[in-house]
Protein backbone atom coordinates (compact mmCIF):
# COMPACT_ATOMS: atom_id res chain seq x y z
CA MET A 1 -22.35 76.31 -59.39
CA PRO A 2 -19.02 77.87 -58.18
CA THR A 3 -16.12 78.66 -60.02
CA THR A 4 -12.93 76.76 -59.55
CA SER A 5 -11.46 80.02 -58.28
CA THR A 6 -14.31 80.42 -55.92
CA ARG A 7 -14.80 76.78 -54.55
CA ARG A 8 -13.27 76.07 -51.36
CA LYS A 9 -10.73 72.88 -51.67
CA ASN A 10 -10.16 70.35 -48.78
CA LYS A 11 -6.69 70.12 -48.05
CA VAL A 12 -6.23 67.35 -45.88
CA SER A 13 -3.13 65.56 -44.97
CA VAL A 14 -2.63 62.38 -43.32
CA GLN A 15 0.26 61.27 -41.16
CA TYR A 16 0.60 57.50 -39.50
CA ALA A 17 2.47 57.55 -36.31
CA VAL A 18 1.74 53.30 -36.24
CA ARG A 19 2.10 50.36 -38.31
CA ARG A 20 -0.47 50.88 -41.47
CA ARG A 21 -1.61 47.19 -40.77
CA GLY A 22 -5.65 47.61 -40.23
CA VAL A 23 -5.51 51.18 -40.42
CA PRO A 24 -7.54 52.50 -42.99
CA SER A 25 -5.54 53.77 -46.24
CA ALA A 26 -5.21 57.68 -46.59
CA ALA A 27 -7.46 57.88 -49.62
CA SER A 28 -10.45 56.41 -47.53
CA LEU A 29 -8.99 59.18 -44.89
CA ARG A 30 -9.29 61.76 -47.32
CA ARG A 31 -12.57 60.94 -48.87
CA TRP A 32 -14.39 60.69 -45.57
CA ALA A 33 -12.97 64.45 -44.38
CA ALA A 34 -13.90 65.67 -47.81
CA LEU A 35 -17.24 65.51 -47.12
CA ILE A 36 -16.55 68.54 -44.58
CA PRO A 37 -14.68 71.74 -46.10
CA CYS A 38 -11.69 72.23 -43.91
CA GLY A 39 -8.06 72.02 -44.19
CA ALA A 40 -6.58 69.26 -41.53
CA THR A 41 -3.74 67.16 -40.81
CA LEU A 42 -5.27 63.56 -39.72
CA ARG A 43 -2.36 61.84 -37.28
CA ILE A 44 -2.79 58.02 -36.89
CA VAL A 45 -1.06 57.40 -33.75
CA GLY A 46 -0.42 54.58 -31.05
CA ALA A 47 -1.66 54.48 -27.36
CA ARG A 48 1.04 56.02 -26.16
CA GLU A 49 1.34 59.06 -28.30
CA GLY A 50 -2.67 59.44 -27.48
CA ARG A 51 -2.64 59.32 -23.87
CA ARG A 52 0.81 61.65 -23.83
CA LEU A 53 -1.18 64.28 -26.00
CA ASN A 54 -4.32 63.67 -24.08
CA ARG A 55 -2.31 63.90 -20.55
CA SER A 56 -0.59 67.10 -21.90
CA PHE A 57 -3.96 69.11 -23.27
CA ARG A 58 -7.03 67.81 -21.21
CA GLY A 59 -5.17 66.72 -18.08
CA LYS A 60 -6.63 63.34 -18.73
CA ASN A 61 -3.92 60.04 -18.12
CA TYR A 62 -5.56 58.03 -20.50
CA ALA A 63 -5.28 57.35 -24.40
CA THR A 64 -8.76 58.68 -25.95
CA ASN A 65 -10.03 58.11 -29.51
CA VAL A 66 -10.06 61.48 -31.31
CA LEU A 67 -8.82 64.73 -30.03
CA SER A 68 -8.80 67.97 -32.56
CA PHE A 69 -6.48 71.24 -32.13
CA PRO A 70 -7.77 73.85 -33.89
CA TYR A 71 -5.97 76.95 -35.55
CA ALA A 72 -8.62 78.88 -37.58
CA LYS A 73 -12.41 78.21 -38.00
CA GLY A 74 -12.11 74.54 -40.72
CA GLU A 75 -8.37 74.19 -40.13
CA GLY A 76 -6.00 72.19 -37.70
CA ASP A 77 -5.41 68.89 -36.45
CA VAL A 78 -7.05 65.65 -35.66
CA ILE A 79 -5.32 63.13 -33.90
CA LEU A 80 -7.04 59.67 -33.92
CA CYS A 81 -5.38 57.13 -31.53
CA HIS A 82 -5.88 53.64 -33.49
CA PRO A 83 -5.94 51.27 -30.68
CA VAL A 84 -8.44 52.90 -28.95
CA ILE A 85 -10.56 53.27 -32.18
CA ALA A 86 -10.21 49.37 -33.02
CA ARG A 87 -10.85 48.28 -29.64
CA GLU A 88 -13.99 50.56 -29.35
CA ALA A 89 -14.99 49.26 -33.05
CA ARG A 90 -15.08 45.84 -31.91
CA ALA A 91 -17.17 46.53 -28.81
CA ARG A 92 -19.50 48.20 -30.38
CA ARG A 93 -19.71 45.57 -33.07
CA LYS A 94 -18.78 47.99 -35.79
CA THR A 95 -16.60 47.70 -38.49
CA LEU A 96 -13.55 49.59 -38.32
CA ALA A 97 -14.17 51.66 -41.49
CA ALA A 98 -17.55 52.60 -40.04
CA HIS A 99 -15.88 54.01 -36.48
CA TYR A 100 -12.93 55.43 -38.07
CA ALA A 101 -15.25 57.51 -40.69
CA HIS A 102 -17.41 58.37 -38.10
CA LEU A 103 -14.65 59.75 -35.21
CA VAL A 104 -12.45 62.01 -38.57
CA LEU A 105 -15.78 63.59 -39.12
CA HIS A 106 -16.69 64.24 -35.22
CA GLY A 107 -13.06 65.22 -35.33
CA LEU A 108 -13.63 67.82 -38.40
CA LEU A 109 -16.56 69.01 -37.31
CA HIS A 110 -14.56 69.95 -33.93
CA LEU A 111 -12.68 71.74 -35.85
CA ARG A 112 -15.38 73.99 -37.87
CA GLY A 113 -17.03 74.99 -34.41
CA TYR A 114 -19.29 72.39 -33.10
CA ASP A 115 -19.22 70.72 -29.65
CA HIS A 116 -20.86 68.59 -27.25
CA GLU A 117 -20.55 70.07 -23.93
CA LYS A 118 -24.18 71.03 -23.82
CA LYS A 119 -27.12 68.90 -24.72
CA ARG A 120 -28.79 71.32 -27.72
CA GLU A 121 -24.68 71.66 -29.24
CA ALA A 122 -24.45 67.85 -28.85
CA GLU A 123 -27.71 67.17 -30.62
CA ARG A 124 -26.85 69.32 -33.46
CA MET A 125 -23.25 67.71 -33.86
CA GLU A 126 -25.11 64.35 -34.13
CA ARG A 127 -27.38 65.48 -36.40
CA ALA A 128 -24.30 66.03 -38.40
CA GLU A 129 -22.36 63.15 -37.83
CA ILE A 130 -25.64 60.89 -39.14
CA ARG A 131 -26.01 63.15 -42.04
CA LEU A 132 -22.43 62.81 -43.43
CA LEU A 133 -21.94 59.31 -42.39
CA ALA A 134 -25.27 58.83 -44.68
CA ARG A 135 -23.40 60.62 -47.24
CA ALA A 136 -20.39 58.32 -47.31
CA GLY A 137 -22.51 55.16 -46.94
CA PHE A 138 -22.54 54.27 -43.01
CA GLY A 139 -25.16 53.79 -40.51
CA ASN A 140 -26.24 55.71 -37.74
CA PRO A 141 -23.56 55.41 -35.08
CA TYR A 142 -25.83 56.15 -32.31
CA THR A 143 -28.04 53.31 -32.89
CA LEU A 144 -27.89 49.72 -31.83
CA GLU A 145 -27.53 46.94 -34.77
């Protein structure tokens, strides 16, 4: 077992740019993030900011569920767009907590260098997400219930 001095600690900060009603608590977001060694800021935004960031950095003129901005391997910002996440959770008949947990882990895996542009990379990332979500007490997000 590593000593305290060699054990990597997660440093995850949470920012809310939306009303917190219906949004998971900072403690829940940090608990899910703790499954991946990282240093990150999780920022919960509304549709306007989500759309602006997606347009500015990806050239897509709509709000998306999650955006990751890596600074170094395992460090960066993860932007989570609450209205999009809430809408997707309802449409997929998932709990809001399960969908948030999935997207927090998805965003943090991007910070750790995972990607899903190619089939093999996507399969690797999905396996990691499924494994981590099970550790958090959630089911496979890729199966229909």
